[in-house]
Amino acid sequence: MNNLLNDFKVSDRPSSIQFLDLLHRDFSENPQTWENRTLPDFLEALRAYAEDIQGYYDNMNLGVDADKPDWQTFADILRGATIYE
């Protein structure tokens, strides 16, 4: 996954759309860096990461409540699903 995608901040619907474009481009250009390359694998990881994301926020001391999501939380879940096992 490229640094631009990792560092991209999502704050609203337009930046969410930009993030999805970056995510798509990253998969097209770097599929070998994605743990979950098929739709079924990605969807399973997406579900699991959505369930576990509060642990990520807590471990990183980010002070985010995943039960009150915003656009960035949605992007974090999508990004996490690319590598979550």
N, C-alpha and C. Protein backbone atom coordinates (compact mmCIF):
# COMPACT_ATOMS: atom_id res chain seq x y z
N MET A 1 0.85 -1.17 0.00
CA MET A 1 0.00 0.00 0.00
C MET A 1 0.89 1.24 0.00
N ASN A 2 0.54 2.19 -0.82
CA ASN A 2 1.39 3.36 -0.95
C ASN A 2 1.17 4.35 0.19
N ASN A 3 2.18 5.20 0.42
CA ASN A 3 2.12 6.16 1.52
C ASN A 3 1.01 7.18 1.35
N LEU A 4 0.73 7.57 0.12
CA LEU A 4 -0.35 8.53 -0.11
C LEU A 4 -1.66 7.98 0.44
N LEU A 5 -1.93 6.72 0.18
CA LEU A 5 -3.14 6.09 0.68
C LEU A 5 -3.12 6.00 2.20
N ASN A 6 -1.99 5.63 2.77
CA ASN A 6 -1.89 5.52 4.23
C ASN A 6 -2.07 6.86 4.93
N ASP A 7 -1.58 7.92 4.32
CA ASP A 7 -1.60 9.24 4.95
C ASP A 7 -2.83 10.08 4.59
N PHE A 8 -3.63 9.60 3.67
CA PHE A 8 -4.77 10.39 3.19
C PHE A 8 -5.82 10.53 4.30
N LYS A 9 -6.26 11.76 4.56
CA LYS A 9 -7.27 12.04 5.57
C LYS A 9 -8.63 12.23 4.91
N VAL A 10 -9.61 11.56 5.44
CA VAL A 10 -10.97 11.62 4.92
C VAL A 10 -11.82 12.39 5.93
N SER A 11 -12.48 13.44 5.45
CA SER A 11 -13.27 14.26 6.37
C SER A 11 -14.70 14.49 5.90
N ASP A 12 -14.99 14.16 4.65
CA ASP A 12 -16.31 14.40 4.10
C ASP A 12 -16.54 13.48 2.90
N ARG A 13 -17.70 13.61 2.29
CA ARG A 13 -18.03 12.73 1.16
C ARG A 13 -17.07 12.92 -0.02
N PRO A 14 -16.73 14.14 -0.42
CA PRO A 14 -15.79 14.29 -1.53
C PRO A 14 -14.42 13.66 -1.25
N SER A 15 -13.89 13.84 -0.06
CA SER A 15 -12.59 13.22 0.24
C SER A 15 -12.73 11.71 0.36
N SER A 16 -13.91 11.23 0.74
CA SER A 16 -14.16 9.79 0.77
C SER A 16 -14.11 9.21 -0.65
N ILE A 17 -14.65 9.94 -1.60
CA ILE A 17 -14.61 9.51 -3.00
C ILE A 17 -13.18 9.50 -3.51
N GLN A 18 -12.40 10.52 -3.16
CA GLN A 18 -10.99 10.54 -3.53
C GLN A 18 -10.25 9.35 -2.93
N PHE A 19 -10.56 9.03 -1.67
CA PHE A 19 -9.93 7.90 -1.01
C PHE A 19 -10.25 6.60 -1.75
N LEU A 20 -11.51 6.43 -2.15
CA LEU A 20 -11.89 5.22 -2.88
C LEU A 20 -11.15 5.13 -4.21
N ASP A 21 -10.95 6.26 -4.88
CA ASP A 21 -10.15 6.27 -6.11
C ASP A 21 -8.72 5.81 -5.83
N LEU A 22 -8.13 6.33 -4.75
CA LEU A 22 -6.77 5.92 -4.37
C LEU A 22 -6.70 4.43 -4.02
N LEU A 23 -7.71 3.95 -3.31
CA LEU A 23 -7.76 2.54 -2.94
C LEU A 23 -7.82 1.66 -4.19
N HIS A 24 -8.66 2.04 -5.14
CA HIS A 24 -8.78 1.29 -6.39
C HIS A 24 -7.47 1.31 -7.16
N ARG A 25 -6.85 2.48 -7.24
CA ARG A 25 -5.57 2.60 -7.95
C ARG A 25 -4.50 1.75 -7.26
N ASP A 26 -4.48 1.76 -5.94
CA ASP A 26 -3.49 0.97 -5.23
C ASP A 26 -3.66 -0.52 -5.52
N PHE A 27 -4.90 -0.99 -5.53
CA PHE A 27 -5.12 -2.40 -5.85
C PHE A 27 -4.69 -2.72 -7.27
N SER A 28 -4.99 -1.83 -8.20
CA SER A 28 -4.61 -2.04 -9.60
C SER A 28 -3.10 -2.08 -9.79
N GLU A 29 -2.40 -1.21 -9.07
CA GLU A 29 -0.95 -1.09 -9.25
C GLU A 29 -0.13 -1.98 -8.31
N ASN A 30 -0.70 -2.37 -7.17
CA ASN A 30 0.07 -3.12 -6.15
C ASN A 30 -0.73 -4.27 -5.54
N PRO A 31 -1.34 -5.13 -6.35
CA PRO A 31 -2.17 -6.19 -5.76
C PRO A 31 -1.39 -7.12 -4.83
N GLN A 32 -0.08 -7.24 -5.06
CA GLN A 32 0.73 -8.12 -4.23
C GLN A 32 0.83 -7.64 -2.78
N THR A 33 0.53 -6.37 -2.52
CA THR A 33 0.60 -5.85 -1.15
C THR A 33 -0.72 -6.04 -0.40
N TRP A 34 -1.73 -6.50 -1.08
CA TRP A 34 -3.04 -6.72 -0.47
C TRP A 34 -3.15 -8.17 0.01
N GLU A 35 -3.50 -8.35 1.23
CA GLU A 35 -3.72 -9.69 1.78
C GLU A 35 -4.99 -10.31 1.19
N ASN A 36 -6.00 -9.48 0.96
CA ASN A 36 -7.32 -9.96 0.54
C ASN A 36 -7.61 -9.47 -0.87
N ARG A 37 -7.32 -10.32 -1.86
CA ARG A 37 -7.38 -9.92 -3.27
C ARG A 37 -8.66 -10.33 -3.96
N THR A 38 -9.46 -11.18 -3.35
CA THR A 38 -10.73 -11.56 -3.97
C THR A 38 -11.86 -10.86 -3.22
N LEU A 39 -12.98 -10.68 -3.88
CA LEU A 39 -14.10 -10.01 -3.24
C LEU A 39 -14.57 -10.76 -1.98
N PRO A 40 -14.74 -12.09 -2.01
CA PRO A 40 -15.14 -12.77 -0.79
C PRO A 40 -14.13 -12.58 0.36
N ASP A 41 -12.84 -12.65 0.06
CA ASP A 41 -11.83 -12.45 1.11
C ASP A 41 -11.87 -11.02 1.63
N PHE A 42 -12.00 -10.06 0.72
CA PHE A 42 -12.04 -8.66 1.13
C PHE A 42 -13.27 -8.38 1.99
N LEU A 43 -14.42 -8.90 1.58
CA LEU A 43 -15.65 -8.67 2.36
C LEU A 43 -15.57 -9.31 3.74
N GLU A 44 -14.99 -10.49 3.84
CA GLU A 44 -14.82 -11.13 5.15
C GLU A 44 -13.89 -10.30 6.02
N ALA A 45 -12.80 -9.82 5.46
CA ALA A 45 -11.87 -8.99 6.22
C ALA A 45 -12.52 -7.66 6.59
N LEU A 46 -13.34 -7.12 5.71
CA LEU A 46 -14.04 -5.88 5.99
C LEU A 46 -14.97 -6.05 7.19
N ARG A 47 -15.70 -7.14 7.22
CA ARG A 47 -16.59 -7.43 8.35
C ARG A 47 -15.79 -7.58 9.63
N ALA A 48 -14.72 -8.38 9.57
CA ALA A 48 -13.91 -8.64 10.76
C ALA A 48 -13.22 -7.37 11.26
N TYR A 49 -12.71 -6.56 10.34
CA TYR A 49 -12.02 -5.34 10.75
C TYR A 49 -12.99 -4.31 11.32
N ALA A 50 -14.19 -4.25 10.76
CA ALA A 50 -15.22 -3.37 11.32
C ALA A 50 -15.53 -3.77 12.76
N GLU A 51 -15.51 -5.05 13.02
CA GLU A 51 -15.76 -5.55 14.38
C GLU A 51 -14.59 -5.22 15.32
N ASP A 52 -13.37 -5.28 14.82
CA ASP A 52 -12.17 -5.14 15.66
C ASP A 52 -11.53 -3.76 15.65
N ILE A 53 -12.06 -2.81 14.89
CA ILE A 53 -11.36 -1.54 14.72
C ILE A 53 -11.19 -0.76 16.02
N GLN A 54 -12.10 -0.93 16.97
CA GLN A 54 -11.93 -0.21 18.24
C GLN A 54 -10.63 -0.61 18.92
N GLY A 55 -10.24 -1.87 18.81
CA GLY A 55 -8.97 -2.33 19.36
C GLY A 55 -7.79 -1.61 18.71
N TYR A 56 -7.86 -1.40 17.40
CA TYR A 56 -6.81 -0.65 16.70
C TYR A 56 -6.73 0.77 17.25
N TYR A 57 -7.87 1.43 17.34
CA TYR A 57 -7.87 2.80 17.85
C TYR A 57 -7.33 2.87 19.28
N ASP A 58 -7.73 1.92 20.11
CA ASP A 58 -7.26 1.90 21.49
C ASP A 58 -5.75 1.64 21.57
N ASN A 59 -5.27 0.66 20.81
CA ASN A 59 -3.84 0.32 20.82
C ASN A 59 -2.96 1.47 20.32
N MET A 60 -3.49 2.26 19.40
CA MET A 60 -2.74 3.38 18.85
C MET A 60 -2.97 4.68 19.63
N ASN A 61 -3.78 4.59 20.70
CA ASN A 61 -4.11 5.76 21.52
C ASN A 61 -4.63 6.93 20.68
N LEU A 62 -5.57 6.63 19.79
CA LEU A 62 -6.09 7.64 18.89
C LEU A 62 -7.31 8.38 19.44
N GLY A 63 -7.88 7.88 20.51
CA GLY A 63 -9.03 8.56 21.11
C GLY A 63 -10.25 8.60 20.22
N VAL A 64 -10.44 7.58 19.41
CA VAL A 64 -11.58 7.51 18.49
C VAL A 64 -12.58 6.50 19.03
N ASP A 65 -13.85 6.87 19.01
CA ASP A 65 -14.92 5.95 19.40
C ASP A 65 -15.53 5.40 18.12
N ALA A 66 -15.26 4.13 17.83
CA ALA A 66 -15.73 3.51 16.59
C ALA A 66 -17.25 3.37 16.56
N ASP A 67 -17.90 3.51 17.71
CA ASP A 67 -19.36 3.46 17.73
C ASP A 67 -19.99 4.79 17.33
N LYS A 68 -19.16 5.80 17.12
CA LYS A 68 -19.61 7.09 16.61
C LYS A 68 -18.77 7.41 15.38
N PRO A 69 -18.95 6.62 14.31
CA PRO A 69 -18.06 6.73 13.15
C PRO A 69 -18.25 8.03 12.38
N ASP A 70 -17.21 8.37 11.66
CA ASP A 70 -17.25 9.48 10.73
C ASP A 70 -16.66 8.98 9.41
N TRP A 71 -16.44 9.86 8.47
CA TRP A 71 -15.91 9.44 7.17
C TRP A 71 -14.54 8.79 7.30
N GLN A 72 -13.72 9.26 8.23
CA GLN A 72 -12.38 8.70 8.41
C GLN A 72 -12.46 7.26 8.93
N THR A 73 -13.40 6.99 9.83
CA THR A 73 -13.56 5.63 10.35
C THR A 73 -13.91 4.67 9.21
N PHE A 74 -14.79 5.09 8.34
CA PHE A 74 -15.15 4.26 7.19
C PHE A 74 -13.92 3.98 6.33
N ALA A 75 -13.11 5.00 6.08
CA ALA A 75 -11.89 4.83 5.29
C ALA A 75 -10.91 3.90 6.02
N ASP A 76 -10.79 4.05 7.34
CA ASP A 76 -9.90 3.18 8.11
C ASP A 76 -10.31 1.72 8.00
N ILE A 77 -11.61 1.47 8.02
CA ILE A 77 -12.10 0.09 7.90
C ILE A 77 -11.78 -0.46 6.51
N LEU A 78 -12.00 0.32 5.48
CA LEU A 78 -11.68 -0.14 4.12
C LEU A 78 -10.18 -0.40 3.97
N ARG A 79 -9.38 0.52 4.48
CA ARG A 79 -7.92 0.37 4.37
C ARG A 79 -7.47 -0.86 5.17
N GLY A 80 -8.02 -1.04 6.34
CA GLY A 80 -7.65 -2.19 7.17
C GLY A 80 -8.01 -3.53 6.53
N ALA A 81 -9.12 -3.54 5.81
CA ALA A 81 -9.56 -4.79 5.17
C ALA A 81 -8.61 -5.26 4.08
N THR A 82 -7.75 -4.37 3.59
CA THR A 82 -6.80 -4.78 2.56
C THR A 82 -5.72 -5.69 3.11
N ILE A 83 -5.45 -5.62 4.42
CA ILE A 83 -4.36 -6.39 5.01
C ILE A 83 -4.77 -7.28 6.17
N TYR A 84 -6.02 -7.14 6.63
CA TYR A 84 -6.47 -7.87 7.83
C TYR A 84 -6.60 -9.35 7.53
N GLU A 85 -6.08 -10.19 8.41
CA GLU A 85 -6.18 -11.64 8.24
C GLU A 85 -7.18 -12.23 9.19
